[in-house]
C-alpha cells in the first residue's frame, strides 16, 4: 500500500509539473492535467479518503472540461499571431462539449425526476428592491443614486472616447 501511495504521489507531482511545463500548448497541458486528476484520485483512494476522493476528482474533472470548452478564448481572434487550431484540439474540444453537455443533461433529468423543479408549499415573501436598498444604504440613499449616475456617466464617456479612437486608427 505504501508503494502504491508513493507511485500515485510521484505521478501526481510529475503530471502537475508537466501541465506547467507544457502550458503553451493547451491540449498537452490539459492531457497532463487529466493524468494529474486521475493520479490524485488514485492516491486519495489508496490513502483511504473514500467519498472525498470521488468529490475531488469530479470537481477537478469538471474544471478541466470547462477549461477545454473555453480554451478557444486563448486563440487569437484575428488569427494574426497564433497558428490556426489543429485537428486534435478541435476533436478534444468537441469531446469536451459532448461530455459537459451530457453531464448537464443527466443533471437536469435527475433533478427533474427527483422533483427539484416543483414548488412545494406556500410562496416565500421576499424583500423588494426598495427594502433591500434601504437596508444596505439607509440614509445614504440619495448619495448612492448620485454615485451610481456618476459611474454610469464616466463609463459612457470612456466608451465614447474609445469609439473616437477607433475611427482614427
N, C-alpha and C. Protein backbone atom coordinates (compact mmCIF):
# COMPACT_ATOMS: atom_id res chain seq x y z
N UNK A 1 0.83 -1.19 0.00
CA UNK A 1 0.00 0.00 0.00
C UNK A 1 0.87 1.26 0.00
N UNK A 2 1.97 1.21 0.72
CA UNK A 2 2.87 2.37 0.75
C UNK A 2 3.50 2.61 -0.62
N UNK A 3 3.82 1.53 -1.34
CA UNK A 3 4.37 1.69 -2.67
C UNK A 3 3.35 2.33 -3.61
N UNK A 4 2.10 1.88 -3.54
CA UNK A 4 1.06 2.46 -4.39
C UNK A 4 0.85 3.93 -4.06
N UNK A 5 0.91 4.28 -2.80
CA UNK A 5 0.77 5.67 -2.39
C UNK A 5 1.93 6.51 -2.92
N UNK A 6 3.14 6.00 -2.82
CA UNK A 6 4.31 6.73 -3.34
C UNK A 6 4.26 6.88 -4.86
N UNK A 7 3.87 5.81 -5.56
CA UNK A 7 3.76 5.89 -7.02
C UNK A 7 2.69 6.89 -7.41
N UNK A 8 1.54 6.85 -6.73
CA UNK A 8 0.47 7.80 -7.02
C UNK A 8 0.89 9.24 -6.79
N UNK A 9 1.60 9.49 -5.69
CA UNK A 9 2.08 10.85 -5.42
C UNK A 9 3.12 11.28 -6.45
N UNK A 10 4.00 10.37 -6.86
CA UNK A 10 5.00 10.70 -7.86
C UNK A 10 4.35 11.05 -9.20
N UNK A 11 3.38 10.24 -9.63
CA UNK A 11 2.70 10.51 -10.90
C UNK A 11 1.92 11.82 -10.80
N UNK A 12 1.30 12.07 -9.65
CA UNK A 12 0.57 13.32 -9.45
C UNK A 12 1.48 14.52 -9.59
N UNK A 13 2.61 14.48 -8.90
CA UNK A 13 3.55 15.61 -8.97
C UNK A 13 4.18 15.75 -10.36
N UNK A 14 4.51 14.63 -10.98
CA UNK A 14 5.11 14.69 -12.32
C UNK A 14 4.12 15.25 -13.35
N UNK A 15 2.87 14.83 -13.25
CA UNK A 15 1.90 15.34 -14.22
C UNK A 15 1.55 16.80 -13.95
N UNK A 16 1.55 17.21 -12.68
CA UNK A 16 1.33 18.62 -12.39
C UNK A 16 2.48 19.46 -12.95
N UNK A 17 3.71 18.98 -12.83
CA UNK A 17 4.85 19.68 -13.41
C UNK A 17 4.75 19.69 -14.94
N UNK A 18 4.30 18.57 -15.52
CA UNK A 18 4.16 18.52 -16.98
C UNK A 18 3.08 19.49 -17.45
N UNK A 19 2.01 19.64 -16.69
CA UNK A 19 0.97 20.60 -17.06
C UNK A 19 1.52 22.02 -17.07
N UNK A 20 2.40 22.31 -16.14
CA UNK A 20 3.01 23.65 -16.10
C UNK A 20 4.03 23.79 -17.23
N UNK A 21 4.83 22.76 -17.44
CA UNK A 21 5.87 22.84 -18.46
C UNK A 21 5.31 22.90 -19.88
N UNK A 22 4.17 22.27 -20.11
CA UNK A 22 3.56 22.29 -21.44
C UNK A 22 2.44 23.32 -21.53
N UNK A 23 2.52 24.34 -20.73
CA UNK A 23 1.46 25.33 -20.65
C UNK A 23 1.21 26.10 -21.93
N UNK A 24 2.19 26.18 -22.81
CA UNK A 24 1.99 26.91 -24.06
C UNK A 24 1.10 26.14 -25.03
N UNK A 25 1.06 24.82 -24.90
CA UNK A 25 0.20 24.00 -25.75
C UNK A 25 -0.99 23.57 -24.90
N UNK A 26 -2.17 24.08 -25.22
CA UNK A 26 -3.35 23.85 -24.40
C UNK A 26 -3.73 22.37 -24.33
N UNK A 27 -3.66 21.67 -25.44
CA UNK A 27 -4.08 20.27 -25.46
C UNK A 27 -3.15 19.42 -24.59
N UNK A 28 -1.85 19.59 -24.74
CA UNK A 28 -0.90 18.82 -23.92
C UNK A 28 -1.05 19.16 -22.45
N UNK A 29 -1.27 20.41 -22.15
CA UNK A 29 -1.44 20.82 -20.76
C UNK A 29 -2.69 20.19 -20.15
N UNK A 30 -3.76 20.13 -20.93
CA UNK A 30 -4.99 19.53 -20.42
C UNK A 30 -4.87 18.01 -20.28
N UNK A 31 -4.12 17.37 -21.17
CA UNK A 31 -3.88 15.93 -21.02
C UNK A 31 -3.08 15.68 -19.75
N UNK A 32 -2.07 16.48 -19.51
CA UNK A 32 -1.29 16.35 -18.27
C UNK A 32 -2.17 16.62 -17.05
N UNK A 33 -3.07 17.58 -17.18
CA UNK A 33 -4.00 17.85 -16.08
C UNK A 33 -4.94 16.70 -15.83
N UNK A 34 -5.38 16.03 -16.89
CA UNK A 34 -6.26 14.86 -16.74
C UNK A 34 -5.52 13.72 -16.05
N UNK A 35 -4.27 13.51 -16.43
CA UNK A 35 -3.45 12.49 -15.76
C UNK A 35 -3.28 12.86 -14.29
N UNK A 36 -3.09 14.14 -14.00
CA UNK A 36 -2.97 14.60 -12.63
C UNK A 36 -4.23 14.28 -11.83
N UNK A 37 -5.40 14.55 -12.41
CA UNK A 37 -6.66 14.28 -11.71
C UNK A 37 -6.82 12.79 -11.44
N UNK A 38 -6.51 11.96 -12.43
CA UNK A 38 -6.63 10.52 -12.24
C UNK A 38 -5.66 10.02 -11.17
N UNK A 39 -4.43 10.50 -11.21
CA UNK A 39 -3.44 10.07 -10.21
C UNK A 39 -3.81 10.58 -8.82
N UNK A 40 -4.34 11.79 -8.75
CA UNK A 40 -4.76 12.32 -7.46
C UNK A 40 -5.92 11.50 -6.89
N UNK A 41 -6.87 11.14 -7.73
CA UNK A 41 -7.98 10.29 -7.28
C UNK A 41 -7.49 8.94 -6.80
N UNK A 42 -6.56 8.34 -7.56
CA UNK A 42 -5.99 7.05 -7.15
C UNK A 42 -5.27 7.17 -5.82
N UNK A 43 -4.47 8.22 -5.66
CA UNK A 43 -3.71 8.40 -4.43
C UNK A 43 -4.64 8.62 -3.24
N UNK A 44 -5.67 9.42 -3.42
CA UNK A 44 -6.62 9.64 -2.33
C UNK A 44 -7.39 8.37 -1.99
N UNK A 45 -7.71 7.59 -3.01
CA UNK A 45 -8.41 6.33 -2.77
C UNK A 45 -7.53 5.35 -2.00
N UNK A 46 -6.25 5.26 -2.38
CA UNK A 46 -5.32 4.38 -1.68
C UNK A 46 -5.10 4.86 -0.25
N UNK A 47 -5.10 6.19 -0.06
CA UNK A 47 -4.89 6.74 1.28
C UNK A 47 -6.11 6.56 2.16
N UNK A 48 -7.24 6.15 1.59
CA UNK A 48 -8.43 5.90 2.39
C UNK A 48 -9.34 7.10 2.53
N UNK A 49 -9.30 8.02 1.57
CA UNK A 49 -10.14 9.20 1.66
C UNK A 49 -11.60 8.91 1.34
N UNK A 50 -11.86 7.83 0.60
CA UNK A 50 -13.23 7.42 0.33
C UNK A 50 -13.99 8.38 -0.56
N UNK A 51 -15.14 8.85 -0.06
CA UNK A 51 -16.02 9.70 -0.83
C UNK A 51 -15.35 11.04 -1.15
N UNK A 52 -14.50 11.51 -0.28
CA UNK A 52 -13.80 12.78 -0.53
C UNK A 52 -12.97 12.71 -1.81
N UNK A 53 -12.35 11.56 -2.05
CA UNK A 53 -11.56 11.43 -3.28
C UNK A 53 -12.45 11.51 -4.51
N UNK A 54 -13.64 10.92 -4.43
CA UNK A 54 -14.58 10.99 -5.54
C UNK A 54 -15.02 12.42 -5.80
N UNK A 55 -15.30 13.16 -4.75
CA UNK A 55 -15.72 14.56 -4.90
C UNK A 55 -14.60 15.39 -5.51
N UNK A 56 -13.38 15.21 -5.05
CA UNK A 56 -12.24 15.96 -5.58
C UNK A 56 -12.03 15.65 -7.05
N UNK A 57 -12.11 14.39 -7.43
CA UNK A 57 -11.89 14.00 -8.83
C UNK A 57 -13.00 14.56 -9.72
N UNK A 58 -14.24 14.50 -9.27
CA UNK A 58 -15.35 15.01 -10.07
C UNK A 58 -15.21 16.51 -10.27
N UNK A 59 -14.91 17.25 -9.22
CA UNK A 59 -14.76 18.70 -9.35
C UNK A 59 -13.57 19.07 -10.23
N UNK A 60 -12.46 18.36 -10.07
CA UNK A 60 -11.29 18.65 -10.89
C UNK A 60 -11.56 18.31 -12.36
N UNK A 61 -12.28 17.23 -12.62
CA UNK A 61 -12.62 16.88 -14.00
C UNK A 61 -13.54 17.93 -14.62
N UNK A 62 -14.49 18.44 -13.85
CA UNK A 62 -15.36 19.49 -14.36
C UNK A 62 -14.58 20.76 -14.69
N UNK A 63 -13.62 21.10 -13.86
CA UNK A 63 -12.79 22.27 -14.14
C UNK A 63 -11.98 22.07 -15.41
N UNK A 64 -11.41 20.89 -15.59
CA UNK A 64 -10.65 20.62 -16.81
C UNK A 64 -11.54 20.66 -18.05
N UNK A 65 -12.75 20.14 -17.94
CA UNK A 65 -13.67 20.19 -19.08
C UNK A 65 -14.04 21.62 -19.40
N UNK A 66 -14.27 22.43 -18.37
CA UNK A 66 -14.59 23.84 -18.62
C UNK A 66 -13.41 24.57 -19.25
N UNK A 67 -12.20 24.25 -18.81
CA UNK A 67 -11.02 24.84 -19.44
C UNK A 67 -10.93 24.46 -20.91
N UNK A 68 -11.24 23.22 -21.21
CA UNK A 68 -11.19 22.77 -22.60
C UNK A 68 -12.27 23.44 -23.44
N UNK A 69 -13.48 23.57 -22.85
CA UNK A 69 -14.57 24.20 -23.59
C UNK A 69 -14.24 25.66 -23.89
N UNK A 70 -13.75 26.37 -22.91
CA UNK A 70 -13.47 27.78 -23.11
C UNK A 70 -12.04 28.03 -23.56
N UNK A 71 -11.34 26.98 -23.98
CA UNK A 71 -9.97 27.10 -24.43
C UNK A 71 -9.81 27.90 -25.70
N UNK A 72 -10.86 27.97 -26.51
CA UNK A 72 -10.73 28.73 -27.76
C UNK A 72 -10.59 30.22 -27.46
N UNK A 73 -10.88 30.65 -26.25
CA UNK A 73 -10.70 32.06 -25.91
C UNK A 73 -9.23 32.43 -25.87
N UNK A 74 -8.36 31.43 -25.75
CA UNK A 74 -6.93 31.69 -25.73
C UNK A 74 -6.35 31.83 -27.13
N UNK A 75 -7.13 31.48 -28.14
CA UNK A 75 -6.68 31.56 -29.52
C UNK A 75 -6.92 32.98 -30.02
N UNK A 76 -6.00 33.48 -30.79
CA UNK A 76 -6.10 34.83 -31.33
C UNK A 76 -7.30 34.93 -32.26
N UNK A 77 -8.17 35.91 -32.01
CA UNK A 77 -9.39 36.06 -32.79
C UNK A 77 -9.08 36.45 -34.23
N UNK A 78 -8.14 37.36 -34.43
CA UNK A 78 -7.81 37.82 -35.79
C UNK A 78 -6.93 36.84 -36.54
N UNK A 79 -6.42 35.83 -35.85
CA UNK A 79 -5.55 34.81 -36.42
C UNK A 79 -4.30 35.41 -37.07
N UNK A 80 -3.76 36.45 -36.43
CA UNK A 80 -2.55 37.04 -36.97
C UNK A 80 -1.34 36.79 -36.06
N UNK A 81 -1.53 36.20 -34.90
CA UNK A 81 -0.41 35.93 -34.01
C UNK A 81 -0.19 34.45 -33.74
N UNK A 82 -1.26 33.66 -33.75
CA UNK A 82 -1.15 32.24 -33.44
C UNK A 82 -1.58 31.41 -34.66
N UNK A 83 -1.03 30.22 -34.80
CA UNK A 83 -1.47 29.36 -35.89
C UNK A 83 -2.91 28.89 -35.65
N UNK A 84 -3.62 28.48 -36.70
CA UNK A 84 -5.00 28.01 -36.52
C UNK A 84 -5.04 26.75 -35.66
N UNK A 85 -6.20 26.49 -35.11
CA UNK A 85 -6.37 25.34 -34.23
C UNK A 85 -6.17 24.05 -35.03
N UNK A 86 -5.38 23.15 -34.47
CA UNK A 86 -5.11 21.90 -35.17
C UNK A 86 -6.25 20.90 -34.94
N UNK A 87 -6.25 19.84 -35.70
CA UNK A 87 -7.35 18.87 -35.68
C UNK A 87 -7.51 18.18 -34.32
N UNK A 88 -6.43 17.71 -33.66
CA UNK A 88 -6.63 17.06 -32.35
C UNK A 88 -7.27 18.00 -31.32
N UNK A 89 -6.93 19.29 -31.38
CA UNK A 89 -7.53 20.24 -30.44
C UNK A 89 -9.01 20.39 -30.72
N UNK A 90 -9.39 20.46 -31.99
CA UNK A 90 -10.82 20.56 -32.32
C UNK A 90 -11.57 19.32 -31.87
N UNK A 91 -10.97 18.15 -32.03
CA UNK A 91 -11.62 16.91 -31.60
C UNK A 91 -11.75 16.89 -30.08
N UNK A 92 -10.70 17.32 -29.38
CA UNK A 92 -10.75 17.34 -27.92
C UNK A 92 -11.81 18.32 -27.42
N UNK A 93 -11.92 19.46 -28.06
CA UNK A 93 -12.95 20.42 -27.66
C UNK A 93 -14.35 19.89 -27.94
N UNK A 94 -14.51 19.19 -29.05
CA UNK A 94 -15.81 18.60 -29.36
C UNK A 94 -16.19 17.55 -28.33
N UNK A 95 -15.22 16.72 -27.95
CA UNK A 95 -15.50 15.74 -26.90
C UNK A 95 -15.83 16.40 -25.57
N UNK A 96 -15.14 17.51 -25.26
CA UNK A 96 -15.44 18.22 -24.03
C UNK A 96 -16.87 18.78 -24.06
N UNK A 97 -17.28 19.30 -25.20
CA UNK A 97 -18.66 19.77 -25.34
C UNK A 97 -19.64 18.63 -25.09
N UNK A 98 -19.38 17.47 -25.71
CA UNK A 98 -20.28 16.34 -25.54
C UNK A 98 -20.34 15.86 -24.10
N UNK A 99 -19.19 15.74 -23.45
CA UNK A 99 -19.16 15.27 -22.06
C UNK A 99 -19.85 16.26 -21.14
N UNK A 100 -19.53 17.53 -21.31
CA UNK A 100 -20.13 18.55 -20.45
C UNK A 100 -21.64 18.66 -20.70
N UNK A 101 -22.03 18.66 -21.98
CA UNK A 101 -23.46 18.72 -22.30
C UNK A 101 -24.21 17.49 -21.80
N UNK A 102 -23.61 16.32 -21.94
CA UNK A 102 -24.23 15.10 -21.41
C UNK A 102 -24.37 15.14 -19.90
N UNK A 103 -23.33 15.65 -19.24
CA UNK A 103 -23.41 15.79 -17.78
C UNK A 103 -24.51 16.74 -17.35
N UNK A 104 -24.63 17.86 -18.06
CA UNK A 104 -25.72 18.79 -17.74
C UNK A 104 -27.08 18.18 -18.02
N UNK A 105 -27.17 17.40 -19.10
CA UNK A 105 -28.43 16.73 -19.43
C UNK A 105 -28.81 15.73 -18.34
N UNK A 106 -27.84 14.92 -17.90
CA UNK A 106 -28.12 13.97 -16.82
C UNK A 106 -28.47 14.68 -15.53
N UNK A 107 -27.79 15.76 -15.23
CA UNK A 107 -28.09 16.52 -14.03
C UNK A 107 -29.50 17.08 -14.07
N UNK A 108 -29.88 17.65 -15.20
CA UNK A 108 -31.24 18.19 -15.34
C UNK A 108 -32.29 17.11 -15.27
N UNK A 109 -32.05 15.97 -15.92
CA UNK A 109 -33.01 14.87 -15.89
C UNK A 109 -33.17 14.31 -14.49
N UNK A 110 -32.07 14.16 -13.76
CA UNK A 110 -32.14 13.67 -12.39
C UNK A 110 -32.87 14.66 -11.49
N UNK A 111 -32.56 15.94 -11.64
CA UNK A 111 -33.23 16.94 -10.81
C UNK A 111 -34.72 16.99 -11.13
N UNK A 112 -35.07 16.81 -12.40
CA UNK A 112 -36.49 16.81 -12.78
C UNK A 112 -37.20 15.60 -12.20
N UNK A 113 -36.57 14.42 -12.25
CA UNK A 113 -37.17 13.21 -11.72
C UNK A 113 -37.31 13.25 -10.20
N UNK A 114 -36.37 13.90 -9.53
CA UNK A 114 -36.41 13.99 -8.07
C UNK A 114 -37.37 15.06 -7.59
N UNK A 115 -37.92 15.85 -8.51
CA UNK A 115 -38.88 16.87 -8.13
C UNK A 115 -38.26 18.16 -7.64
N UNK A 116 -37.03 18.44 -8.06
CA UNK A 116 -36.36 19.65 -7.61
C UNK A 116 -36.96 20.91 -8.23
N UNK A 117 -37.63 20.78 -9.37
CA UNK A 117 -38.18 21.94 -10.05
C UNK A 117 -39.63 22.22 -9.67
N UNK A 118 -40.22 21.37 -8.85
CA UNK A 118 -41.61 21.60 -8.46
C UNK A 118 -41.67 22.48 -7.22
N UNK A 119 -42.73 23.25 -7.13
CA UNK A 119 -42.92 24.14 -5.98
C UNK A 119 -43.77 23.42 -4.95
N UNK A 120 -43.21 23.20 -3.79
CA UNK A 120 -43.93 22.53 -2.71
C UNK A 120 -44.10 23.52 -1.56
N UNK A 121 -45.32 23.82 -1.24
CA UNK A 121 -45.57 24.71 -0.12
C UNK A 121 -45.95 26.11 -0.58
N UNK A 122 -46.11 26.98 0.39
CA UNK A 122 -46.53 28.35 0.11
C UNK A 122 -45.37 29.18 -0.42
N UNK A 123 -45.73 30.24 -1.11
CA UNK A 123 -44.72 31.13 -1.67
C UNK A 123 -44.06 31.92 -0.55
N UNK A 124 -42.74 32.08 -0.65
CA UNK A 124 -41.99 32.80 0.38
C UNK A 124 -42.04 34.29 0.06
N UNK A 125 -42.33 35.08 1.07
CA UNK A 125 -42.36 36.53 0.88
C UNK A 125 -40.92 37.05 0.85
N UNK A 126 -40.54 37.62 -0.27
CA UNK A 126 -39.17 38.12 -0.45
C UNK A 126 -39.17 39.64 -0.32
N UNK A 127 -38.04 40.18 0.02
CA UNK A 127 -37.90 41.63 0.15
C UNK A 127 -37.92 42.27 -1.23
N UNK A 128 -38.47 43.47 -1.30
CA UNK A 128 -38.49 44.20 -2.55
C UNK A 128 -37.15 44.92 -2.74
N UNK A 129 -36.84 45.35 -3.95
CA UNK A 129 -35.58 46.08 -4.16
C UNK A 129 -35.49 47.35 -3.32
N UNK A 130 -36.62 48.01 -3.09
CA UNK A 130 -36.60 49.22 -2.26
C UNK A 130 -36.21 48.88 -0.83
N UNK A 131 -36.74 47.77 -0.29
CA UNK A 131 -36.40 47.36 1.08
C UNK A 131 -34.93 46.95 1.18
N UNK A 132 -34.42 46.27 0.17
CA UNK A 132 -33.00 45.88 0.18
C UNK A 132 -32.11 47.12 0.13
N UNK A 133 -32.47 48.08 -0.74
CA UNK A 133 -31.70 49.32 -0.81
C UNK A 133 -31.72 50.10 0.48
N UNK A 134 -32.89 50.16 1.14
CA UNK A 134 -32.99 50.86 2.42
C UNK A 134 -32.15 50.16 3.48
N UNK A 135 -32.09 48.83 3.43
CA UNK A 135 -31.30 48.08 4.40
C UNK A 135 -29.80 48.29 4.17
N UNK A 136 -29.37 48.27 2.91
CA UNK A 136 -27.94 48.38 2.61
C UNK A 136 -27.42 49.81 2.74
N UNK A 137 -28.21 50.79 2.28
CA UNK A 137 -27.68 52.15 2.20
C UNK A 137 -28.30 53.11 3.19
N UNK A 138 -29.48 52.80 3.71
CA UNK A 138 -30.11 53.61 4.74
C UNK A 138 -30.22 55.07 4.38
N UNK A 139 -29.63 55.97 5.21
CA UNK A 139 -29.77 57.40 4.97
C UNK A 139 -28.95 57.90 3.77
N UNK A 140 -28.07 57.08 3.22
CA UNK A 140 -27.25 57.49 2.08
C UNK A 140 -27.92 57.18 0.75
N UNK A 141 -29.24 57.09 0.74
CA UNK A 141 -29.97 56.72 -0.47
C UNK A 141 -29.71 57.70 -1.61
N UNK A 142 -29.78 58.99 -1.33
CA UNK A 142 -29.56 59.99 -2.39
C UNK A 142 -28.12 60.01 -2.87
N UNK A 143 -27.19 59.87 -1.93
CA UNK A 143 -25.77 59.85 -2.32
C UNK A 143 -25.46 58.62 -3.17
N UNK A 144 -26.09 57.50 -2.87
CA UNK A 144 -25.88 56.28 -3.65
C UNK A 144 -26.37 56.46 -5.08
N UNK A 145 -27.50 57.10 -5.25
CA UNK A 145 -28.01 57.36 -6.60
C UNK A 145 -27.05 58.26 -7.36
N UNK A 146 -26.54 59.30 -6.71
CA UNK A 146 -25.60 60.21 -7.38
C UNK A 146 -24.31 59.50 -7.76
N UNK A 147 -23.80 58.65 -6.87
CA UNK A 147 -22.57 57.91 -7.17
C UNK A 147 -22.81 56.96 -8.34
N UNK A 148 -23.96 56.29 -8.37
CA UNK A 148 -24.28 55.39 -9.48
C UNK A 148 -24.38 56.12 -10.80
N UNK A 149 -25.02 57.30 -10.79
CA UNK A 149 -25.12 58.09 -12.01
C UNK A 149 -23.75 58.60 -12.45
N UNK A 150 -22.89 58.96 -11.50
CA UNK A 150 -21.54 59.41 -11.84
C UNK A 150 -20.74 58.28 -12.49
N UNK A 151 -20.84 57.06 -11.93
CA UNK A 151 -20.13 55.92 -12.52
C UNK A 151 -20.65 55.63 -13.92
N UNK A 152 -21.98 55.67 -14.08
CA UNK A 152 -22.56 55.42 -15.41
C UNK A 152 -22.11 56.47 -16.41
N UNK A 153 -22.07 57.75 -16.00
CA UNK A 153 -21.64 58.81 -16.91
C UNK A 153 -20.17 58.66 -17.28
N UNK A 154 -19.33 58.28 -16.33
CA UNK A 154 -17.91 58.11 -16.63
C UNK A 154 -17.69 56.92 -17.57
N UNK A 155 -18.44 55.85 -17.38
CA UNK A 155 -18.32 54.72 -18.29
C UNK A 155 -18.79 55.07 -19.69
N UNK A 156 -19.86 55.85 -19.78
CA UNK A 156 -20.35 56.28 -21.09
C UNK A 156 -19.33 57.19 -21.77
N UNK A 157 -18.71 58.10 -21.00
CA UNK A 157 -17.70 58.98 -21.57
C UNK A 157 -16.49 58.18 -22.05
N UNK A 158 -16.08 57.17 -21.29
CA UNK A 158 -14.96 56.33 -21.70
C UNK A 158 -15.29 55.56 -22.97
N UNK A 159 -16.52 55.07 -23.07
CA UNK A 159 -16.94 54.37 -24.28
C UNK A 159 -16.92 55.28 -25.50
N UNK A 160 -17.39 56.52 -25.33
CA UNK A 160 -17.39 57.47 -26.44
C UNK A 160 -15.96 57.80 -26.87
N UNK A 161 -15.05 57.98 -25.89
CA UNK A 161 -13.66 58.26 -26.22
C UNK A 161 -13.01 57.10 -26.94
N UNK A 162 -13.32 55.85 -26.51
CA UNK A 162 -12.76 54.69 -27.17
C UNK A 162 -13.27 54.55 -28.59
N UNK A 163 -14.53 54.88 -28.82
CA UNK A 163 -15.07 54.80 -30.18
C UNK A 163 -14.43 55.85 -31.07
N UNK A 164 -14.15 57.03 -30.55
CA UNK A 164 -13.48 58.05 -31.34
C UNK A 164 -12.08 57.61 -31.72
N UNK A 165 -11.35 56.96 -30.81
CA UNK A 165 -10.01 56.47 -31.13
C UNK A 165 -10.05 55.38 -32.19
N UNK A 166 -11.08 54.58 -32.21
CA UNK A 166 -11.19 53.51 -33.19
C UNK A 166 -11.38 54.05 -34.60
N UNK A 167 -12.06 55.17 -34.77
CA UNK A 167 -12.27 55.72 -36.10
C UNK A 167 -11.01 56.34 -36.68
N UNK A 168 -10.14 56.85 -35.80
CA UNK A 168 -8.91 57.49 -36.28
C UNK A 168 -7.88 56.46 -36.70
N UNK A 169 -7.89 55.27 -36.04
CA UNK A 169 -6.85 54.25 -36.29
C UNK A 169 -7.11 53.48 -37.47
